[in-house]
Amino acid sequence: MNLPILGAFVTTSLDKFDQAIIKQLRLNARHSISYIAEQVNLSRSAVTERIKKLEQTGVIRGYQVLLSESQKQGVSAYLEILHQCAKCADVVQVFHQIPEVITCQGITGDMDLLVFVQAPSMQRLHEIREFIDAQADIVKIKTHVVMSEWINNQG
């Protein structure tokens, strides 16, 4: 299924039609413009223009295909990170250096960050973990390897 990738910091205000279009794209970005237009009660040309504007303004940054875990190559893991920096933002540059990092999120609780990694092999995951662990500001890493996925409503 293709899903729209939405921008994180968008200043464009979205009206009810833009929100309805995004909802339809999140359900299935491969639906035809005609189908989406019917669902949101707009003309095909209006939907086309709105999608184009949402893409141009960065509200929609792209589209992606999500595979089931059984179809993926490699290994996925969540890394819980505890650091000693004053702010999470001070340590995030470490994760920008690792192309396999998909998301890095600040979390509540005993740990500071939750990092999602998709690596081509367990060996590469180990290398990534070792690289992170070698950083002076990293205090603790807890690794959770993804074994299977039953629900993914992420878009």
C-alpha atoms as a PDB file:
ATOM      1  CA  MET A   1       0.000   0.000   0.000  1.00  0.00           C
ATOM      2  CA  ASN A   2       1.358   3.437  -0.861  1.00  0.00           C
ATOM      3  CA  LEU A   3       0.995   5.924   1.969  1.00  0.00           C
ATOM      4  CA  PRO A   4       1.570   9.665   1.876  1.00  0.00           C
ATOM      5  CA  ILE A   5       4.498  10.869   3.943  1.00  0.00           C
ATOM      6  CA  LEU A   6       3.351  13.984   5.744  1.00  0.00           C
ATOM      7  CA  GLY A   7       5.654  16.877   6.613  1.00  0.00           C
ATOM      8  CA  ALA A   8       6.282  17.433  10.311  1.00  0.00           C
ATOM      9  CA  PHE A   9       6.324  21.225  10.533  1.00  0.00           C
ATOM     10  CA  VAL A  10       3.850  22.620   8.048  1.00  0.00           C
ATOM     11  CA  THR A  11       2.475  26.122   8.433  1.00  0.00           C
ATOM     12  CA  THR A  12      -0.187  25.701   5.747  1.00  0.00           C
ATOM     13  CA  SER A  13      -3.640  25.486   7.298  1.00  0.00           C
ATOM     14  CA  LEU A  14      -5.680  22.555   6.079  1.00  0.00           C
ATOM     15  CA  ASP A  15      -9.398  22.924   5.544  1.00  0.00           C
ATOM     16  CA  LYS A  16     -11.879  20.071   5.845  1.00  0.00           C
ATOM     17  CA  PHE A  17     -11.425  19.098   2.180  1.00  0.00           C
ATOM     18  CA  ASP A  18      -7.621  18.884   2.458  1.00  0.00           C
ATOM     19  CA  GLN A  19      -8.020  16.795   5.603  1.00  0.00           C
ATOM     20  CA  ALA A  20     -10.529  14.502   3.863  1.00  0.00           C
ATOM     21  CA  ILE A  21      -8.195  14.082   0.870  1.00  0.00           C
ATOM     22  CA  ILE A  22      -5.277  13.241   3.157  1.00  0.00           C
ATOM     23  CA  LYS A  23      -7.464  10.737   4.985  1.00  0.00           C
ATOM     24  CA  GLN A  24      -8.327   9.028   1.692  1.00  0.00           C
ATOM     25  CA  LEU A  25      -4.674   8.995   0.608  1.00  0.00           C
ATOM     26  CA  ARG A  26      -3.679   7.468   3.941  1.00  0.00           C
ATOM     27  CA  LEU A  27      -6.248   4.723   3.466  1.00  0.00           C
ATOM     28  CA  ASN A  28      -4.928   3.966  -0.013  1.00  0.00           C
ATOM     29  CA  ALA A  29      -2.802   6.403  -1.993  1.00  0.00           C
ATOM     30  CA  ARG A  30      -3.377   4.329  -5.123  1.00  0.00           C
ATOM     31  CA  HIS A  31      -7.076   5.175  -5.312  1.00  0.00           C
ATOM     32  CA  SER A  32      -7.955   7.091  -8.437  1.00  0.00           C
ATOM     33  CA  ILE A  33      -8.559  10.829  -8.345  1.00  0.00           C
ATOM     34  CA  SER A  34     -12.146  10.061  -9.366  1.00  0.00           C
ATOM     35  CA  TYR A  35     -12.637   7.798  -6.353  1.00  0.00           C
ATOM     36  CA  ILE A  36     -11.117  10.334  -3.941  1.00  0.00           C
ATOM     37  CA  ALA A  37     -13.202  13.134  -5.486  1.00  0.00           C
ATOM     38  CA  GLU A  38     -16.354  11.086  -4.952  1.00  0.00           C
ATOM     39  CA  GLN A  39     -15.429  10.365  -1.327  1.00  0.00           C
ATOM     40  CA  VAL A  40     -14.709  14.018  -0.454  1.00  0.00           C
ATOM     41  CA  ASN A  41     -17.498  15.582  -2.573  1.00  0.00           C
ATOM     42  CA  LEU A  42     -15.238  17.644  -4.854  1.00  0.00           C
ATOM     43  CA  SER A  43     -14.574  17.605  -8.575  1.00  0.00           C
ATOM     44  CA  ARG A  44     -11.646  15.605  -9.975  1.00  0.00           C
ATOM     45  CA  SER A  45      -9.888  18.817 -11.013  1.00  0.00           C
ATOM     46  CA  ALA A  46     -10.304  20.315  -7.527  1.00  0.00           C
ATOM     47  CA  VAL A  47      -8.864  17.183  -5.910  1.00  0.00           C
ATOM     48  CA  THR A  48      -5.973  17.122  -8.394  1.00  0.00           C
ATOM     49  CA  GLU A  49      -5.153  20.771  -7.667  1.00  0.00           C
ATOM     50  CA  ARG A  50      -5.398  20.276  -3.916  1.00  0.00           C
ATOM     51  CA  ILE A  51      -3.107  17.223  -3.983  1.00  0.00           C
ATOM     52  CA  LYS A  52      -0.625  19.136  -6.127  1.00  0.00           C
ATOM     53  CA  LYS A  53      -0.705  22.054  -3.647  1.00  0.00           C
ATOM     54  CA  LEU A  54      -0.300  19.702  -0.666  1.00  0.00           C
ATOM     55  CA  GLU A  55       2.760  18.187  -2.364  1.00  0.00           C
ATOM     56  CA  GLN A  56       4.257  21.556  -3.382  1.00  0.00           C
ATOM     57  CA  THR A  57       3.858  23.076   0.092  1.00  0.00           C
ATOM     58  CA  GLY A  58       5.431  20.048   1.748  1.00  0.00           C
ATOM     59  CA  VAL A  59       2.333  18.858   3.564  1.00  0.00           C
ATOM     60  CA  ILE A  60       2.671  15.636   1.565  1.00  0.00           C
ATOM     61  CA  ARG A  61       6.385  14.912   1.184  1.00  0.00           C
ATOM     62  CA  GLY A  62       6.077  11.699  -0.808  1.00  0.00           C
ATOM     63  CA  TYR A  63       4.571   8.230  -0.952  1.00  0.00           C
ATOM     64  CA  GLN A  64       5.894   4.926   0.307  1.00  0.00           C
ATOM     65  CA  VAL A  65       5.231   1.217   0.173  1.00  0.00           C
ATOM     66  CA  LEU A  66       5.012  -0.632   3.495  1.00  0.00           C
ATOM     67  CA  LEU A  67       5.861  -4.321   3.344  1.00  0.00           C
ATOM     68  CA  SER A  68       4.765  -6.925   5.848  1.00  0.00           C
ATOM     69  CA  GLU A  69       7.614  -8.094   8.087  1.00  0.00           C
ATOM     70  CA  SER A  70       7.633 -11.489   6.345  1.00  0.00           C
ATOM     71  CA  GLN A  71       8.460  -9.795   3.014  1.00  0.00           C
ATOM     72  CA  LYS A  72      11.230  -7.579   4.315  1.00  0.00           C
ATOM     73  CA  GLN A  73      14.900  -8.307   3.939  1.00  0.00           C
ATOM     74  CA  GLY A  74      17.159  -7.580   6.862  1.00  0.00           C
ATOM     75  CA  VAL A  75      16.260  -6.758  10.426  1.00  0.00           C
ATOM     76  CA  SER A  76      14.262  -4.036  12.161  1.00  0.00           C
ATOM     77  CA  ALA A  77      14.793  -2.958  15.742  1.00  0.00           C
ATOM     78  CA  TYR A  78      13.783  -0.347  18.261  1.00  0.00           C
ATOM     79  CA  LEU A  79      16.617   1.085  20.337  1.00  0.00           C
ATOM     80  CA  GLU A  80      15.780   2.720  23.641  1.00  0.00           C
ATOM     81  CA  ILE A  81      18.470   5.297  24.378  1.00  0.00           C
ATOM     82  CA  LEU A  82      19.433   6.965  27.659  1.00  0.00           C
ATOM     83  CA  HIS A  83      21.846   9.902  27.346  1.00  0.00           C
ATOM     84  CA  GLN A  84      23.433  12.461  29.639  1.00  0.00           C
ATOM     85  CA  CYS A  85      22.908  15.612  27.558  1.00  0.00           C
ATOM     86  CA  ALA A  86      20.860  18.496  28.902  1.00  0.00           C
ATOM     87  CA  LYS A  87      18.454  18.165  25.939  1.00  0.00           C
ATOM     88  CA  CYS A  88      17.616  15.331  23.538  1.00  0.00           C
ATOM     89  CA  ALA A  89      18.288  17.690  20.638  1.00  0.00           C
ATOM     90  CA  ASP A  90      21.942  17.816  21.725  1.00  0.00           C
ATOM     91  CA  VAL A  91      22.481  14.109  20.969  1.00  0.00           C
ATOM     92  CA  VAL A  92      20.233  13.678  17.906  1.00  0.00           C
ATOM     93  CA  GLN A  93      23.038  14.532  15.449  1.00  0.00           C
ATOM     94  CA  VAL A  94      24.487  11.080  16.208  1.00  0.00           C
ATOM     95  CA  PHE A  95      21.440   9.444  14.644  1.00  0.00           C
ATOM     96  CA  HIS A  96      21.552  11.675  11.558  1.00  0.00           C
ATOM     97  CA  GLN A  97      24.876   9.987  10.750  1.00  0.00           C
ATOM     98  CA  ILE A  98      23.244   6.554  10.462  1.00  0.00           C
ATOM     99  CA  PRO A  99      21.298   6.043   7.203  1.00  0.00           C
ATOM    100  CA  GLU A 100      19.448   3.018   8.599  1.00  0.00           C
ATOM    101  CA  VAL A 101      17.716   5.153  11.248  1.00  0.00           C
ATOM    102  CA  ILE A 102      14.076   5.552  10.207  1.00  0.00           C
ATOM    103  CA  THR A 103      12.740   7.501  13.204  1.00  0.00           C
ATOM    104  CA  CYS A 104      14.137   9.048  16.362  1.00  0.00           C
ATOM    105  CA  GLN A 105      11.601  10.181  18.937  1.00  0.00           C
ATOM    106  CA  GLY A 106      11.829  11.680  22.411  1.00  0.00           C
ATOM    107  CA  ILE A 107       9.909   9.563  24.913  1.00  0.00           C
ATOM    108  CA  THR A 108       8.826   9.643  28.555  1.00  0.00           C
ATOM    109  CA  GLY A 109       9.902   7.145  31.178  1.00  0.00           C
ATOM    110  CA  ASP A 110      13.300   5.735  32.133  1.00  0.00           C
ATOM    111  CA  MET A 111      14.776   6.207  28.653  1.00  0.00           C
ATOM    112  CA  ASP A 112      15.087   9.425  26.614  1.00  0.00           C
ATOM    113  CA  LEU A 113      14.819   8.383  22.956  1.00  0.00           C
ATOM    114  CA  LEU A 114      13.209   5.647  20.889  1.00  0.00           C
ATOM    115  CA  VAL A 115      15.075   4.996  17.638  1.00  0.00           C
ATOM    116  CA  PHE A 116      13.687   2.733  14.909  1.00  0.00           C
ATOM    117  CA  VAL A 117      16.333   1.129  12.684  1.00  0.00           C
ATOM    118  CA  GLN A 118      16.025  -1.019   9.543  1.00  0.00           C
ATOM    119  CA  ALA A 119      19.341  -2.709   8.794  1.00  0.00           C
ATOM    120  CA  PRO A 120      20.228  -5.129   5.986  1.00  0.00           C
ATOM    121  CA  SER A 121      21.636  -7.689   8.428  1.00  0.00           C
ATOM    122  CA  MET A 122      22.024  -8.528  12.093  1.00  0.00           C
ATOM    123  CA  GLN A 123      25.732  -7.761  11.686  1.00  0.00           C
ATOM    124  CA  ARG A 124      24.935  -4.224  10.503  1.00  0.00           C
ATOM    125  CA  LEU A 125      22.475  -3.758  13.376  1.00  0.00           C
ATOM    126  CA  HIS A 126      25.274  -4.786  15.746  1.00  0.00           C
ATOM    127  CA  GLU A 127      27.645  -2.246  14.101  1.00  0.00           C
ATOM    128  CA  ILE A 128      25.040   0.504  14.482  1.00  0.00           C
ATOM    129  CA  ARG A 129      24.508  -0.369  18.121  1.00  0.00           C
ATOM    130  CA  GLU A 130      28.265  -0.386  18.758  1.00  0.00           C
ATOM    131  CA  PHE A 131      28.633   3.003  17.043  1.00  0.00           C
ATOM    132  CA  ILE A 132      25.885   4.523  19.202  1.00  0.00           C
ATOM    133  CA  ASP A 133      27.268   2.913  22.354  1.00  0.00           C
ATOM    134  CA  ALA A 134      30.713   4.401  21.648  1.00  0.00           C
ATOM    135  CA  GLN A 135      29.338   7.954  21.800  1.00  0.00           C
ATOM    136  CA  ALA A 136      30.419   9.742  24.989  1.00  0.00           C
ATOM    137  CA  ASP A 137      26.938  11.075  25.816  1.00  0.00           C
ATOM    138  CA  ILE A 138      25.161   7.712  25.496  1.00  0.00           C
ATOM    139  CA  VAL A 139      24.620   6.093  28.890  1.00  0.00           C
ATOM    140  CA  LYS A 140      22.495   3.045  28.021  1.00  0.00           C
ATOM    141  CA  ILE A 141      20.996   1.265  25.003  1.00  0.00           C
ATOM    142  CA  LYS A 142      18.216  -1.298  25.137  1.00  0.00           C
ATOM    143  CA  THR A 143      17.569  -3.159  21.860  1.00  0.00           C
ATOM    144  CA  HIS A 144      14.239  -4.688  20.820  1.00  0.00           C
ATOM    145  CA  VAL A 145      14.431  -6.682  17.557  1.00  0.00           C
ATOM    146  CA  VAL A 146      11.149  -6.819  15.608  1.00  0.00           C
ATOM    147  CA  MET A 147      10.106 -10.441  15.171  1.00  0.00           C
ATOM    148  CA  SER A 148       6.759  -9.902  13.441  1.00  0.00           C
ATOM    149  CA  GLU A 149       4.219  -7.201  12.718  1.00  0.00           C
ATOM    150  CA  TRP A 150       0.460  -7.669  12.908  1.00  0.00           C
ATOM    151  CA  ILE A 151      -0.853  -4.129  12.682  1.00  0.00           C
ATOM    152  CA  ASN A 152       0.674  -1.069  11.057  1.00  0.00           C
ATOM    153  CA  ASN A 153      -1.630   1.927  10.684  1.00  0.00           C
ATOM    154  CA  GLN A 154       1.313   4.297  10.402  1.00  0.00           C
ATOM    155  CA  GLY A 155       1.150   6.713   7.539  1.00  0.00           C
END
